[in-house]
C-alpha atoms as a PDB file:
ATOM      1  CA  UNK A   1      -5.718 -10.798   9.075  1.00  0.00           C
ATOM      2  CA  UNK A   2      -6.349 -13.821  11.488  1.00  0.00           C
ATOM      3  CA  UNK A   3      -7.271 -11.615  14.507  1.00  0.00           C
ATOM      4  CA  UNK A   4      -9.725  -9.642  12.629  1.00  0.00           C
ATOM      5  CA  UNK A   5     -11.558 -12.714  11.353  1.00  0.00           C
ATOM      6  CA  UNK A   6     -11.633 -14.219  15.052  1.00  0.00           C
ATOM      7  CA  UNK A   7     -12.951 -10.792  16.533  1.00  0.00           C
ATOM      8  CA  UNK A   8     -15.677 -10.844  13.619  1.00  0.00           C
ATOM      9  CA  UNK A   9     -16.655 -14.534  14.451  1.00  0.00           C
ATOM     10  CA  UNK A  10     -16.806 -13.658  18.186  1.00  0.00           C
ATOM     11  CA  UNK A  11     -19.060 -10.949  17.334  1.00  0.00           C
ATOM     12  CA  UNK A  12     -21.221 -13.140  15.347  1.00  0.00           C
ATOM     13  CA  UNK A  13     -21.189 -15.703  18.148  1.00  0.00           C
ATOM     14  CA  UNK A  14     -22.507 -13.035  20.590  1.00  0.00           C
ATOM     15  CA  UNK A  15     -25.382 -12.096  18.293  1.00  0.00           C
ATOM     16  CA  UNK A  16     -26.565 -15.946  17.938  1.00  0.00           C
ATOM     17  CA  UNK A  17     -26.016 -16.490  21.736  1.00  0.00           C
ATOM     18  CA  UNK A  18     -28.287 -13.659  22.581  1.00  0.00           C
ATOM     19  CA  UNK A  19     -30.987 -14.547  19.927  1.00  0.00           C
ATOM     20  CA  UNK A  20     -31.118 -18.029  21.100  1.00  0.00           C
ATOM     21  CA  UNK A  21     -31.935 -17.331  24.922  1.00  0.00           C
ATOM     22  CA  UNK A  22     -33.731 -20.719  25.314  1.00  0.00           C
ATOM     23  CA  UNK A  23     -30.581 -22.671  24.913  1.00  0.00           C
ATOM     24  CA  UNK A  24     -28.844 -23.682  28.154  1.00  0.00           C
ATOM     25  CA  UNK A  25     -25.421 -23.340  26.734  1.00  0.00           C
ATOM     26  CA  UNK A  26     -24.508 -20.411  24.533  1.00  0.00           C
ATOM     27  CA  UNK A  27     -22.262 -20.659  21.584  1.00  0.00           C
ATOM     28  CA  UNK A  28     -19.682 -18.561  23.268  1.00  0.00           C
ATOM     29  CA  UNK A  29     -19.834 -21.198  26.227  1.00  0.00           C
ATOM     30  CA  UNK A  30     -19.262 -23.923  24.007  1.00  0.00           C
ATOM     31  CA  UNK A  31     -16.438 -22.246  22.428  1.00  0.00           C
ATOM     32  CA  UNK A  32     -14.885 -21.775  25.720  1.00  0.00           C
ATOM     33  CA  UNK A  33     -15.465 -25.368  26.903  1.00  0.00           C
ATOM     34  CA  UNK A  34     -13.793 -26.740  23.729  1.00  0.00           C
ATOM     35  CA  UNK A  35     -10.939 -24.338  24.121  1.00  0.00           C
ATOM     36  CA  UNK A  36     -10.266 -25.014  27.694  1.00  0.00           C
ATOM     37  CA  UNK A  37      -8.175 -27.835  26.847  1.00  0.00           C
ATOM     38  CA  UNK A  38      -5.562 -25.650  25.595  1.00  0.00           C
ATOM     39  CA  UNK A  39      -4.518 -24.782  28.894  1.00  0.00           C
ATOM     40  CA  UNK A  40      -3.855 -28.571  29.994  1.00  0.00           C
ATOM     41  CA  UNK A  41      -0.295 -29.626  30.169  1.00  0.00           C
ATOM     42  CA  UNK A  42      -0.181 -31.757  27.056  1.00  0.00           C
ATOM     43  CA  UNK A  43      -1.309 -29.017  24.730  1.00  0.00           C
ATOM     44  CA  UNK A  44       1.140 -26.604  26.330  1.00  0.00           C
ATOM     45  CA  UNK A  45       4.092 -29.512  25.626  1.00  0.00           C
ATOM     46  CA  UNK A  46       2.888 -29.764  22.065  1.00  0.00           C
ATOM     47  CA  UNK A  47       2.485 -25.905  21.617  1.00  0.00           C
ATOM     48  CA  UNK A  48       6.057 -25.369  23.183  1.00  0.00           C
ATOM     49  CA  UNK A  49       7.630 -28.402  20.906  1.00  0.00           C
ATOM     50  CA  UNK A  50       5.980 -26.454  17.737  1.00  0.00           C
ATOM     51  CA  UNK A  51       7.466 -23.413  18.698  1.00  0.00           C
ATOM     52  CA  UNK A  52      10.899 -24.806  19.225  1.00  0.00           C
ATOM     53  CA  UNK A  53      10.673 -26.564  16.001  1.00  0.00           C
ATOM     54  CA  UNK A  54       9.737 -23.177  14.290  1.00  0.00           C
ATOM     55  CA  UNK A  55      12.530 -21.542  16.027  1.00  0.00           C
ATOM     56  CA  UNK A  56      14.876 -24.148  14.680  1.00  0.00           C
ATOM     57  CA  UNK A  57      13.822 -24.039  11.058  1.00  0.00           C
ATOM     58  CA  UNK A  58      14.153 -19.925  11.658  1.00  0.00           C
ATOM     59  CA  UNK A  59      17.616 -20.525  12.775  1.00  0.00           C
ATOM     60  CA  UNK A  60      18.325 -22.866  10.028  1.00  0.00           C
ATOM     61  CA  UNK A  61      17.196 -20.478   7.581  1.00  0.00           C
ATOM     62  CA  UNK A  62      19.454 -17.566   8.943  1.00  0.00           C
ATOM     63  CA  UNK A  63      22.457 -19.897   8.920  1.00  0.00           C
ATOM     64  CA  UNK A  64      21.912 -20.371   5.235  1.00  0.00           C
ATOM     65  CA  UNK A  65      21.451 -16.526   4.715  1.00  0.00           C
ATOM     66  CA  UNK A  66      24.833 -15.942   6.709  1.00  0.00           C
ATOM     67  CA  UNK A  67      26.760 -18.715   4.372  1.00  0.00           C
ATOM     68  CA  UNK A  68      25.132 -16.984   1.534  1.00  0.00           C
ATOM     69  CA  UNK A  69      26.532 -13.816   2.681  1.00  0.00           C
ATOM     70  CA  UNK A  70      30.009 -14.844   3.439  1.00  0.00           C
ATOM     71  CA  UNK A  71      29.847 -16.724  -0.177  1.00  0.00           C
ATOM     72  CA  UNK A  72      29.263 -13.074  -1.477  1.00  0.00           C
ATOM     73  CA  UNK A  73      32.103 -11.551   0.564  1.00  0.00           C
ATOM     74  CA  UNK A  74      34.471 -13.963  -0.644  1.00  0.00           C
ATOM     75  CA  UNK A  75      33.525 -13.944  -4.176  1.00  0.00           C
ATOM     76  CA  UNK A  76      34.188 -10.122  -4.167  1.00  0.00           C
ATOM     77  CA  UNK A  77      37.808 -10.520  -2.751  1.00  0.00           C
ATOM     78  CA  UNK A  78      38.363 -13.352  -5.356  1.00  0.00           C
ATOM     79  CA  UNK A  79      38.558 -16.294  -3.137  1.00  0.00           C
ATOM     80  CA  UNK A  80      38.505 -19.500  -5.690  1.00  0.00           C
ATOM     81  CA  UNK A  81      35.267 -21.153  -5.802  1.00  0.00           C
ATOM     82  CA  UNK A  82      36.854 -24.518  -4.763  1.00  0.00           C
ATOM     83  CA  UNK A  83      38.128 -23.001  -1.623  1.00  0.00           C
ATOM     84  CA  UNK A  84      34.963 -21.736  -0.118  1.00  0.00           C
ATOM     85  CA  UNK A  85      34.612 -24.445   2.282  1.00  0.00           C
ATOM     86  CA  UNK A  86      38.125 -24.332   3.471  1.00  0.00           C
ATOM     87  CA  UNK A  87      37.709 -20.455   4.015  1.00  0.00           C
ATOM     88  CA  UNK A  88      34.818 -21.074   5.781  1.00  0.00           C
ATOM     89  CA  UNK A  89      36.299 -23.654   7.967  1.00  0.00           C
ATOM     90  CA  UNK A  90      39.438 -21.383   8.389  1.00  0.00           C
ATOM     91  CA  UNK A  91      37.306 -18.310   9.511  1.00  0.00           C
ATOM     92  CA  UNK A  92      35.639 -20.419  12.354  1.00  0.00           C
ATOM     93  CA  UNK A  93      38.829 -21.554  13.447  1.00  0.00           C
ATOM     94  CA  UNK A  94      40.355 -18.118  13.738  1.00  0.00           C
ATOM     95  CA  UNK A  95      37.351 -16.825  15.337  1.00  0.00           C
ATOM     96  CA  UNK A  96      37.243 -19.465  17.961  1.00  0.00           C
ATOM     97  CA  UNK A  97      40.893 -18.847  18.839  1.00  0.00           C
ATOM     98  CA  UNK A  98      40.248 -15.630  19.408  1.00  0.00           C
ATOM     99  CA  UNK A  99      39.522 -13.755  22.846  1.00  0.00           C
ATOM    100  CA  UNK A 100      35.740 -14.493  23.834  1.00  0.00           C
ATOM    101  CA  UNK A 101      35.428 -10.668  25.092  1.00  0.00           C
ATOM    102  CA  UNK A 102      36.188  -9.355  21.571  1.00  0.00           C
ATOM    103  CA  UNK A 103      33.286  -7.618  20.230  1.00  0.00           C
ATOM    104  CA  UNK A 104      31.674  -9.622  17.358  1.00  0.00           C
ATOM    105  CA  UNK A 105      30.864  -6.790  14.762  1.00  0.00           C
ATOM    106  CA  UNK A 106      31.392  -5.801  11.047  1.00  0.00           C
ATOM    107  CA  UNK A 107      34.861  -4.624  11.998  1.00  0.00           C
ATOM    108  CA  UNK A 108      36.063  -7.988  13.317  1.00  0.00           C
ATOM    109  CA  UNK A 109      34.787  -9.853  10.535  1.00  0.00           C
ATOM    110  CA  UNK A 110      36.518  -7.728   8.197  1.00  0.00           C
ATOM    111  CA  UNK A 111      39.697  -8.312  10.151  1.00  0.00           C
ATOM    112  CA  UNK A 112      39.032 -12.004   9.995  1.00  0.00           C
ATOM    113  CA  UNK A 113      38.752 -11.674   6.232  1.00  0.00           C
ATOM    114  CA  UNK A 114      41.938  -9.908   5.786  1.00  0.00           C
ATOM    115  CA  UNK A 115      43.944 -12.616   8.092  1.00  0.00           C
ATOM    116  CA  UNK A 116      42.468 -15.043   5.477  1.00  0.00           C
ATOM    117  CA  UNK A 117      43.970 -13.245   2.895  1.00  0.00           C
ATOM    118  CA  UNK A 118      47.131 -12.675   4.236  1.00  0.00           C
ATOM    119  CA  UNK A 119      47.647 -16.220   5.568  1.00  0.00           C
ATOM    120  CA  UNK A 120      46.228 -18.276   2.605  1.00  0.00           C
ATOM    121  CA  UNK A 121      46.896 -16.016  -0.493  1.00  0.00           C
ATOM    122  CA  UNK A 122      47.040 -19.124  -2.370  1.00  0.00           C
ATOM    123  CA  UNK A 123      43.395 -19.429  -2.091  1.00  0.00           C
ATOM    124  CA  UNK A 124      42.806 -16.188  -4.255  1.00  0.00           C
ATOM    125  CA  UNK A 125      43.138 -15.376  -7.608  1.00  0.00           C
ATOM    126  CA  UNK A 126      44.958 -12.466  -8.815  1.00  0.00           C
ATOM    127  CA  UNK A 127      42.050 -10.965 -10.753  1.00  0.00           C
END
């Protein structure tokens, strides 16, 4: 949508600049002059900082989604609610203690969950 509006705006500006031949600077030239500052180092720094901030926010959102998914997993294997934080920390301990070359995939996650169930049965209800 934004691209389409920009395209329409540029087309409109071309018509205006053609109709006003007597003007020394067309609207397109003015726009170019106005936007030339975007290539300056300070603008690039601000732009890069904004992009980094956006990425950090996206990472935080993804982390929360992953935590929600683990909460769902632990719910379905009857983890006691008060043990959720313990289970997440223990999961990370197990993960960090394993070989770095082990592929991290769904099967690996299942194996770690089974380890937690085996090593910490008191954290689970018998439902």
